[in-house]
């Protein structure tokens, strides 16, 4: 069960980069948190985009094993926190999984899909600059009676 689930559109650019950056940051800081990623419209089994792959490779991070997955109510509900790339994504995740703890990046994170490597680098920089915000949100208590289904 991930502590954080990053969600974008296709799970080939922003959300896998966010998860890789988050996991690396937590590892370097000795924090016990782990992130995964998913997409609202992902085709299961797609690799990371070339731009995301190379932008992360330049930072010493490996997306070669990334396989896209569509966000599901199970995946969102199991995550401690779902972080979306903008409020429109958060609204859709809340519809699919009303009991999930969902927060959105504001302003939204630019989608570099189909863009230059420079755009992917800029998106990676933007994502990295938001990771302390995510870490602060992990520590916020989930309200009692959050509407999550009872464990079976």
N, C-alpha and C. Protein backbone atom coordinates (compact mmCIF):
# COMPACT_ATOMS: atom_id res chain seq x y z
N UNK A 1 0.85 -1.18 0.00
CA UNK A 1 0.00 0.00 0.00
C UNK A 1 0.89 1.24 0.00
N UNK A 2 0.76 2.09 -1.02
CA UNK A 2 1.59 3.30 -1.06
C UNK A 2 1.12 4.35 -0.06
N UNK A 3 2.06 5.14 0.42
CA UNK A 3 1.71 6.28 1.26
C UNK A 3 1.10 7.38 0.40
N UNK A 4 1.61 7.50 -0.84
CA UNK A 4 1.14 8.53 -1.77
C UNK A 4 0.91 7.90 -3.13
N UNK A 5 -0.20 8.26 -3.76
CA UNK A 5 -0.47 7.87 -5.13
C UNK A 5 -0.56 9.16 -5.94
N UNK A 6 0.37 9.33 -6.88
CA UNK A 6 0.34 10.49 -7.77
C UNK A 6 -0.49 10.13 -9.00
N UNK A 7 -1.39 11.03 -9.39
CA UNK A 7 -2.31 10.76 -10.49
C UNK A 7 -2.24 11.88 -11.53
N UNK A 8 -2.11 11.46 -12.81
CA UNK A 8 -2.18 12.39 -13.94
C UNK A 8 -3.14 11.79 -14.97
N UNK A 9 -2.95 12.11 -16.23
CA UNK A 9 -3.85 11.61 -17.28
C UNK A 9 -3.50 10.19 -17.71
N UNK A 10 -2.32 10.02 -18.31
CA UNK A 10 -1.98 8.75 -18.92
C UNK A 10 -0.99 7.90 -18.16
N UNK A 11 -0.44 8.41 -17.06
CA UNK A 11 0.53 7.69 -16.24
C UNK A 11 1.79 7.32 -17.03
N UNK A 12 2.19 8.23 -17.92
CA UNK A 12 3.44 8.02 -18.65
C UNK A 12 4.41 9.19 -18.49
N UNK A 13 3.96 10.31 -17.95
CA UNK A 13 4.82 11.50 -17.83
C UNK A 13 4.89 12.01 -16.39
N UNK A 14 3.91 12.83 -16.03
CA UNK A 14 3.98 13.56 -14.75
C UNK A 14 3.91 12.66 -13.53
N UNK A 15 2.94 11.76 -13.46
CA UNK A 15 2.81 10.98 -12.23
C UNK A 15 3.97 10.01 -12.01
N UNK A 16 4.51 9.34 -13.05
CA UNK A 16 5.68 8.51 -12.77
C UNK A 16 6.91 9.33 -12.39
N UNK A 17 7.05 10.53 -12.99
CA UNK A 17 8.16 11.38 -12.59
C UNK A 17 7.98 11.82 -11.14
N UNK A 18 6.76 12.19 -10.76
CA UNK A 18 6.49 12.61 -9.39
C UNK A 18 6.81 11.49 -8.40
N UNK A 19 6.38 10.27 -8.72
CA UNK A 19 6.65 9.15 -7.81
C UNK A 19 8.15 8.88 -7.70
N UNK A 20 8.85 8.93 -8.82
CA UNK A 20 10.31 8.69 -8.79
C UNK A 20 11.02 9.77 -7.97
N UNK A 21 10.64 11.02 -8.18
CA UNK A 21 11.26 12.13 -7.44
C UNK A 21 10.94 12.03 -5.95
N UNK A 22 9.70 11.71 -5.62
CA UNK A 22 9.28 11.58 -4.23
C UNK A 22 10.04 10.44 -3.55
N UNK A 23 10.08 9.28 -4.20
CA UNK A 23 10.76 8.12 -3.60
C UNK A 23 12.25 8.40 -3.40
N UNK A 24 12.86 9.07 -4.36
CA UNK A 24 14.28 9.42 -4.23
C UNK A 24 14.49 10.40 -3.07
N UNK A 25 13.65 11.41 -2.98
CA UNK A 25 13.76 12.39 -1.90
C UNK A 25 13.60 11.73 -0.54
N UNK A 26 12.61 10.87 -0.41
CA UNK A 26 12.39 10.18 0.87
C UNK A 26 13.57 9.27 1.21
N UNK A 27 14.11 8.60 0.21
CA UNK A 27 15.28 7.74 0.44
C UNK A 27 16.46 8.56 0.93
N UNK A 28 16.73 9.68 0.27
CA UNK A 28 17.87 10.52 0.66
C UNK A 28 17.68 11.14 2.04
N UNK A 29 16.45 11.40 2.42
CA UNK A 29 16.18 12.00 3.74
C UNK A 29 15.95 10.95 4.83
N UNK A 30 15.97 9.69 4.45
CA UNK A 30 15.75 8.63 5.44
C UNK A 30 14.31 8.55 5.92
N UNK A 31 13.37 8.94 5.06
CA UNK A 31 11.95 8.91 5.41
C UNK A 31 11.33 7.60 4.95
N UNK A 32 10.36 7.07 5.69
CA UNK A 32 9.82 5.74 5.38
C UNK A 32 8.70 5.72 4.35
N UNK A 33 8.47 6.81 3.65
CA UNK A 33 7.32 6.89 2.74
C UNK A 33 7.64 6.33 1.36
N UNK A 34 6.56 5.86 0.69
CA UNK A 34 6.70 5.29 -0.65
C UNK A 34 5.53 5.75 -1.51
N UNK A 35 5.84 6.05 -2.75
CA UNK A 35 4.80 6.51 -3.68
C UNK A 35 4.69 5.57 -4.87
N UNK A 36 3.50 5.55 -5.45
CA UNK A 36 3.22 4.89 -6.72
C UNK A 36 2.51 5.92 -7.59
N UNK A 37 2.21 5.53 -8.81
CA UNK A 37 1.54 6.45 -9.73
C UNK A 37 0.48 5.72 -10.54
N UNK A 38 -0.47 6.50 -11.04
CA UNK A 38 -1.54 5.96 -11.88
C UNK A 38 -2.09 7.10 -12.74
N UNK A 39 -2.90 6.74 -13.72
CA UNK A 39 -3.50 7.74 -14.59
C UNK A 39 -4.99 7.54 -14.72
N UNK A 40 -5.70 8.64 -14.86
CA UNK A 40 -7.15 8.55 -15.03
C UNK A 40 -7.53 7.86 -16.33
N UNK A 41 -6.74 8.09 -17.37
CA UNK A 41 -7.06 7.53 -18.69
C UNK A 41 -5.95 6.61 -19.19
N UNK A 42 -5.18 6.07 -18.27
CA UNK A 42 -4.02 5.25 -18.65
C UNK A 42 -4.45 3.97 -19.35
N UNK A 43 -3.62 3.59 -20.31
CA UNK A 43 -3.74 2.26 -20.91
C UNK A 43 -2.77 1.38 -20.13
N UNK A 44 -3.29 0.40 -19.44
CA UNK A 44 -2.44 -0.46 -18.62
C UNK A 44 -1.31 -1.05 -19.45
N UNK A 45 -0.10 -0.97 -18.90
CA UNK A 45 1.05 -1.61 -19.52
C UNK A 45 1.93 -0.74 -20.37
N UNK A 46 1.64 0.55 -20.50
CA UNK A 46 2.49 1.43 -21.31
C UNK A 46 3.73 1.84 -20.53
N UNK A 47 4.85 2.02 -21.23
CA UNK A 47 6.07 2.49 -20.55
C UNK A 47 6.00 3.99 -20.31
N UNK A 48 6.95 4.49 -19.55
CA UNK A 48 7.08 5.94 -19.39
C UNK A 48 7.41 6.55 -20.75
N UNK A 49 6.99 7.77 -20.97
CA UNK A 49 7.32 8.45 -22.23
C UNK A 49 8.84 8.64 -22.30
N UNK A 50 9.34 8.79 -23.52
CA UNK A 50 10.78 9.00 -23.69
C UNK A 50 11.25 10.24 -22.93
N UNK A 51 10.48 11.32 -23.01
CA UNK A 51 10.88 12.54 -22.32
C UNK A 51 10.98 12.35 -20.82
N UNK A 52 10.00 11.66 -20.23
CA UNK A 52 10.04 11.39 -18.79
C UNK A 52 11.23 10.49 -18.46
N UNK A 53 11.43 9.47 -19.28
CA UNK A 53 12.54 8.54 -19.05
C UNK A 53 13.88 9.29 -19.02
N UNK A 54 14.12 10.12 -20.03
CA UNK A 54 15.41 10.82 -20.11
C UNK A 54 15.55 11.93 -19.07
N UNK A 55 14.46 12.62 -18.76
CA UNK A 55 14.53 13.66 -17.73
C UNK A 55 14.87 13.05 -16.37
N UNK A 56 14.35 11.86 -16.11
CA UNK A 56 14.67 11.18 -14.85
C UNK A 56 16.07 10.56 -14.89
N UNK A 57 16.44 10.03 -16.05
CA UNK A 57 17.78 9.44 -16.19
C UNK A 57 18.86 10.47 -15.90
N UNK A 58 18.65 11.70 -16.36
CA UNK A 58 19.61 12.78 -16.09
C UNK A 58 19.77 13.04 -14.59
N UNK A 59 18.77 12.69 -13.82
CA UNK A 59 18.81 12.88 -12.36
C UNK A 59 19.23 11.61 -11.63
N UNK A 60 19.60 10.59 -12.41
CA UNK A 60 20.01 9.33 -11.80
C UNK A 60 18.86 8.45 -11.37
N UNK A 61 17.67 8.71 -11.91
CA UNK A 61 16.48 7.93 -11.56
C UNK A 61 16.06 7.09 -12.75
N UNK A 62 15.57 5.90 -12.48
CA UNK A 62 15.30 4.92 -13.53
C UNK A 62 13.80 4.67 -13.68
N UNK A 63 13.26 5.00 -14.84
CA UNK A 63 11.86 4.70 -15.14
C UNK A 63 11.73 3.53 -16.11
N UNK A 64 12.80 2.78 -16.32
CA UNK A 64 12.76 1.70 -17.32
C UNK A 64 11.77 0.60 -16.95
N UNK A 65 11.46 0.44 -15.69
CA UNK A 65 10.53 -0.61 -15.27
C UNK A 65 9.11 -0.09 -15.08
N UNK A 66 8.91 1.20 -15.35
CA UNK A 66 7.58 1.76 -15.15
C UNK A 66 6.58 1.14 -16.14
N UNK A 67 5.43 0.77 -15.61
CA UNK A 67 4.33 0.24 -16.41
C UNK A 67 3.08 1.01 -15.98
N UNK A 68 2.44 1.66 -16.92
CA UNK A 68 1.28 2.48 -16.58
C UNK A 68 0.13 1.64 -16.05
N UNK A 69 -0.66 2.28 -15.20
CA UNK A 69 -1.87 1.65 -14.68
C UNK A 69 -2.94 2.71 -14.51
N UNK A 70 -4.17 2.28 -14.69
CA UNK A 70 -5.29 3.20 -14.52
C UNK A 70 -5.63 3.29 -13.04
N UNK A 71 -5.97 4.49 -12.60
CA UNK A 71 -6.37 4.65 -11.20
C UNK A 71 -7.68 3.91 -10.99
N UNK A 72 -7.75 3.17 -9.92
CA UNK A 72 -8.95 2.42 -9.57
C UNK A 72 -9.39 2.84 -8.17
N UNK A 73 -10.62 2.53 -7.82
CA UNK A 73 -11.08 2.86 -6.47
C UNK A 73 -10.26 2.10 -5.44
N UNK A 74 -9.84 0.88 -5.76
CA UNK A 74 -9.01 0.11 -4.83
C UNK A 74 -7.67 0.79 -4.61
N UNK A 75 -7.01 1.15 -5.69
CA UNK A 75 -5.68 1.77 -5.60
C UNK A 75 -5.76 3.12 -4.87
N UNK A 76 -6.74 3.94 -5.23
CA UNK A 76 -6.89 5.25 -4.58
C UNK A 76 -7.26 5.09 -3.11
N UNK A 77 -8.13 4.14 -2.83
CA UNK A 77 -8.57 3.93 -1.46
C UNK A 77 -7.50 3.38 -0.55
N UNK A 78 -6.57 2.62 -1.10
CA UNK A 78 -5.49 2.04 -0.30
C UNK A 78 -4.38 3.03 -0.02
N UNK A 79 -4.24 4.04 -0.85
CA UNK A 79 -3.17 5.03 -0.66
C UNK A 79 -3.50 5.91 0.54
N UNK A 80 -2.47 6.27 1.28
CA UNK A 80 -2.68 7.19 2.39
C UNK A 80 -3.12 8.56 1.91
N UNK A 81 -2.61 8.97 0.75
CA UNK A 81 -2.90 10.27 0.17
C UNK A 81 -2.82 10.16 -1.35
N UNK A 82 -3.81 10.68 -2.03
CA UNK A 82 -3.80 10.76 -3.49
C UNK A 82 -3.51 12.21 -3.86
N UNK A 83 -2.47 12.42 -4.65
CA UNK A 83 -2.10 13.77 -5.09
C UNK A 83 -2.25 13.82 -6.60
N UNK A 84 -3.12 14.72 -7.07
CA UNK A 84 -3.37 14.83 -8.50
C UNK A 84 -2.65 16.05 -9.07
N UNK A 85 -2.51 16.07 -10.38
CA UNK A 85 -1.76 17.12 -11.06
C UNK A 85 -2.56 18.41 -11.23
N UNK A 86 -3.78 18.44 -10.72
CA UNK A 86 -4.63 19.62 -10.76
C UNK A 86 -5.99 19.28 -10.20
N UNK A 87 -6.80 20.30 -9.95
CA UNK A 87 -8.10 20.09 -9.30
C UNK A 87 -9.06 19.29 -10.17
N UNK A 88 -9.01 19.45 -11.49
CA UNK A 88 -9.94 18.69 -12.34
C UNK A 88 -9.71 17.19 -12.18
N UNK A 89 -8.46 16.79 -12.02
CA UNK A 89 -8.15 15.37 -11.79
C UNK A 89 -8.66 14.94 -10.42
N UNK A 90 -8.49 15.80 -9.42
CA UNK A 90 -8.94 15.48 -8.06
C UNK A 90 -10.44 15.22 -8.03
N UNK A 91 -11.20 16.04 -8.74
CA UNK A 91 -12.66 15.86 -8.78
C UNK A 91 -13.03 14.50 -9.35
N UNK A 92 -12.35 14.08 -10.39
CA UNK A 92 -12.64 12.79 -11.00
C UNK A 92 -12.24 11.63 -10.09
N UNK A 93 -11.12 11.76 -9.39
CA UNK A 93 -10.72 10.71 -8.45
C UNK A 93 -11.74 10.62 -7.31
N UNK A 94 -12.20 11.76 -6.81
CA UNK A 94 -13.20 11.76 -5.74
C UNK A 94 -14.50 11.09 -6.18
N UNK A 95 -14.87 11.26 -7.46
CA UNK A 95 -16.07 10.58 -7.97
C UNK A 95 -15.88 9.07 -7.96
N UNK A 96 -14.71 8.61 -8.35
CA UNK A 96 -14.44 7.17 -8.40
C UNK A 96 -14.24 6.57 -7.02
N UNK A 97 -13.72 7.38 -6.11
CA UNK A 97 -13.36 6.86 -4.79
C UNK A 97 -13.61 7.93 -3.73
N UNK A 98 -14.87 8.12 -3.33
CA UNK A 98 -15.20 9.21 -2.43
C UNK A 98 -14.55 9.11 -1.05
N UNK A 99 -14.12 7.96 -0.65
CA UNK A 99 -13.49 7.81 0.66
C UNK A 99 -11.98 8.06 0.64
N UNK A 100 -11.41 8.24 -0.53
CA UNK A 100 -9.96 8.48 -0.63
C UNK A 100 -9.63 9.89 -0.15
N UNK A 101 -8.45 10.04 0.39
CA UNK A 101 -7.94 11.36 0.80
C UNK A 101 -7.23 11.95 -0.41
N UNK A 102 -7.86 12.91 -1.07
CA UNK A 102 -7.39 13.44 -2.35
C UNK A 102 -7.05 14.92 -2.22
N UNK A 103 -5.88 15.28 -2.71
CA UNK A 103 -5.46 16.67 -2.77
C UNK A 103 -4.88 16.94 -4.15
N UNK A 104 -4.95 18.20 -4.56
CA UNK A 104 -4.49 18.57 -5.90
C UNK A 104 -3.38 19.59 -5.84
N UNK A 105 -2.44 19.46 -6.77
CA UNK A 105 -1.44 20.51 -6.94
C UNK A 105 -2.13 21.74 -7.50
N UNK A 106 -1.84 22.89 -6.91
CA UNK A 106 -2.35 24.17 -7.40
C UNK A 106 -1.19 25.15 -7.42
N UNK A 107 -0.93 25.80 -8.52
CA UNK A 107 -1.60 25.63 -9.80
C UNK A 107 -1.30 24.25 -10.39
N UNK A 108 -2.09 23.84 -11.37
CA UNK A 108 -1.87 22.53 -11.97
C UNK A 108 -0.47 22.40 -12.56
N UNK A 109 0.00 21.16 -12.61
CA UNK A 109 1.31 20.86 -13.20
C UNK A 109 1.14 20.75 -14.72
N UNK A 110 1.97 21.46 -15.45
CA UNK A 110 1.94 21.44 -16.92
C UNK A 110 2.19 20.02 -17.43
N UNK A 111 1.43 19.61 -18.44
CA UNK A 111 1.61 18.30 -19.06
C UNK A 111 2.60 18.43 -20.21
N UNK A 112 3.78 17.81 -20.09
CA UNK A 112 4.79 17.94 -21.14
C UNK A 112 4.62 16.95 -22.29
N UNK A 113 3.58 16.11 -22.25
CA UNK A 113 3.43 15.04 -23.23
C UNK A 113 3.60 15.57 -24.65
N UNK A 114 4.49 14.94 -25.40
CA UNK A 114 4.75 15.33 -26.78
C UNK A 114 5.68 16.51 -26.92
N UNK A 115 6.13 17.05 -25.80
CA UNK A 115 7.00 18.23 -25.83
C UNK A 115 8.47 17.86 -25.88
N UNK A 116 9.29 18.88 -25.80
CA UNK A 116 10.74 18.70 -25.85
C UNK A 116 11.27 18.19 -24.51
N UNK A 117 12.50 17.72 -24.54
CA UNK A 117 13.15 17.29 -23.31
C UNK A 117 13.24 18.45 -22.33
N UNK A 118 13.43 19.66 -22.84
CA UNK A 118 13.47 20.84 -21.97
C UNK A 118 12.15 21.00 -21.20
N UNK A 119 11.03 20.72 -21.86
CA UNK A 119 9.73 20.80 -21.18
C UNK A 119 9.62 19.75 -20.08
N UNK A 120 10.12 18.55 -20.36
CA UNK A 120 10.11 17.49 -19.34
C UNK A 120 11.01 17.87 -18.16
N UNK A 121 12.16 18.45 -18.46
CA UNK A 121 13.05 18.90 -17.37
C UNK A 121 12.36 19.95 -16.52
N UNK A 122 11.69 20.90 -17.17
CA UNK A 122 10.99 21.96 -16.43
C UNK A 122 9.87 21.38 -15.58
N UNK A 123 9.16 20.40 -16.11
CA UNK A 123 8.09 19.75 -15.34
C UNK A 123 8.68 19.00 -14.16
N UNK A 124 9.80 18.33 -14.37
CA UNK A 124 10.47 17.63 -13.26
C UNK A 124 10.89 18.61 -12.18
N UNK A 125 11.45 19.76 -12.58
CA UNK A 125 11.83 20.79 -11.61
C UNK A 125 10.62 21.27 -10.83
N UNK A 126 9.52 21.50 -11.54
CA UNK A 126 8.29 21.95 -10.89
C UNK A 126 7.80 20.91 -9.89
N UNK A 127 7.77 19.65 -10.31
CA UNK A 127 7.32 18.59 -9.41
C UNK A 127 8.20 18.51 -8.16
N UNK A 128 9.50 18.55 -8.37
CA UNK A 128 10.42 18.46 -7.23
C UNK A 128 10.18 19.60 -6.25
N UNK A 129 9.88 20.77 -6.77
CA UNK A 129 9.66 21.94 -5.89
C UNK A 129 8.40 21.78 -5.04
N UNK A 130 7.53 20.85 -5.39
CA UNK A 130 6.27 20.65 -4.66
C UNK A 130 6.32 19.49 -3.67
N UNK A 131 7.42 18.78 -3.60
CA UNK A 131 7.48 17.57 -2.77
C UNK A 131 7.43 17.86 -1.27
N UNK A 132 7.97 18.97 -0.82
CA UNK A 132 7.86 19.28 0.61
C UNK A 132 6.39 19.52 0.99
N UNK A 133 5.62 20.10 0.09
CA UNK A 133 4.19 20.27 0.32
C UNK A 133 3.53 18.90 0.51
N UNK A 134 3.89 17.94 -0.35
CA UNK A 134 3.33 16.59 -0.24
C UNK A 134 3.72 15.97 1.10
N UNK A 135 4.97 16.10 1.48
CA UNK A 135 5.42 15.53 2.75
C UNK A 135 4.66 16.13 3.94
N UNK A 136 4.37 17.40 3.89
CA UNK A 136 3.58 18.01 4.98
C UNK A 136 2.16 17.45 5.01
N UNK A 137 1.59 17.17 3.85
CA UNK A 137 0.23 16.65 3.79
C UNK A 137 0.14 15.22 4.31
N UNK A 138 1.18 14.44 4.16
CA UNK A 138 1.17 13.06 4.66
C UNK A 138 0.94 13.06 6.16
N UNK A 139 1.55 14.01 6.85
CA UNK A 139 1.46 14.05 8.30
C UNK A 139 0.14 14.55 8.84
N UNK A 140 -0.69 15.14 8.00
CA UNK A 140 -1.97 15.64 8.47
C UNK A 140 -2.90 14.47 8.76
N UNK A 141 -3.55 14.53 9.88
CA UNK A 141 -4.42 13.42 10.31
C UNK A 141 -5.62 13.31 9.39
N UNK A 142 -6.01 12.08 9.13
CA UNK A 142 -7.23 11.80 8.39
C UNK A 142 -8.39 11.95 9.36
N UNK A 143 -9.45 12.64 8.98
CA UNK A 143 -10.55 12.83 9.91
C UNK A 143 -11.22 11.52 10.29
N UNK A 144 -11.72 11.45 11.51
CA UNK A 144 -12.44 10.25 11.97
C UNK A 144 -13.70 10.10 11.14
N UNK A 145 -14.10 8.85 10.91
CA UNK A 145 -15.31 8.61 10.13
C UNK A 145 -15.18 9.15 8.73
N UNK A 146 -14.07 8.82 8.07
CA UNK A 146 -13.78 9.39 6.76
C UNK A 146 -14.59 8.79 5.63
N UNK A 147 -15.47 7.86 5.93
CA UNK A 147 -16.31 7.29 4.90
C UNK A 147 -15.70 6.12 4.18
N UNK A 148 -14.52 5.69 4.57
CA UNK A 148 -13.89 4.53 3.94
C UNK A 148 -14.67 3.28 4.30
N UNK A 149 -14.78 2.36 3.37
CA UNK A 149 -15.50 1.13 3.69
C UNK A 149 -14.74 0.34 4.75
N UNK A 150 -15.47 -0.37 5.56
CA UNK A 150 -14.84 -1.18 6.61
C UNK A 150 -14.03 -2.31 5.98
N UNK A 151 -12.94 -2.66 6.63
CA UNK A 151 -12.12 -3.78 6.16
C UNK A 151 -12.90 -5.07 6.30
N UNK A 152 -12.69 -5.96 5.36
CA UNK A 152 -13.41 -7.25 5.39
C UNK A 152 -12.49 -8.34 5.79
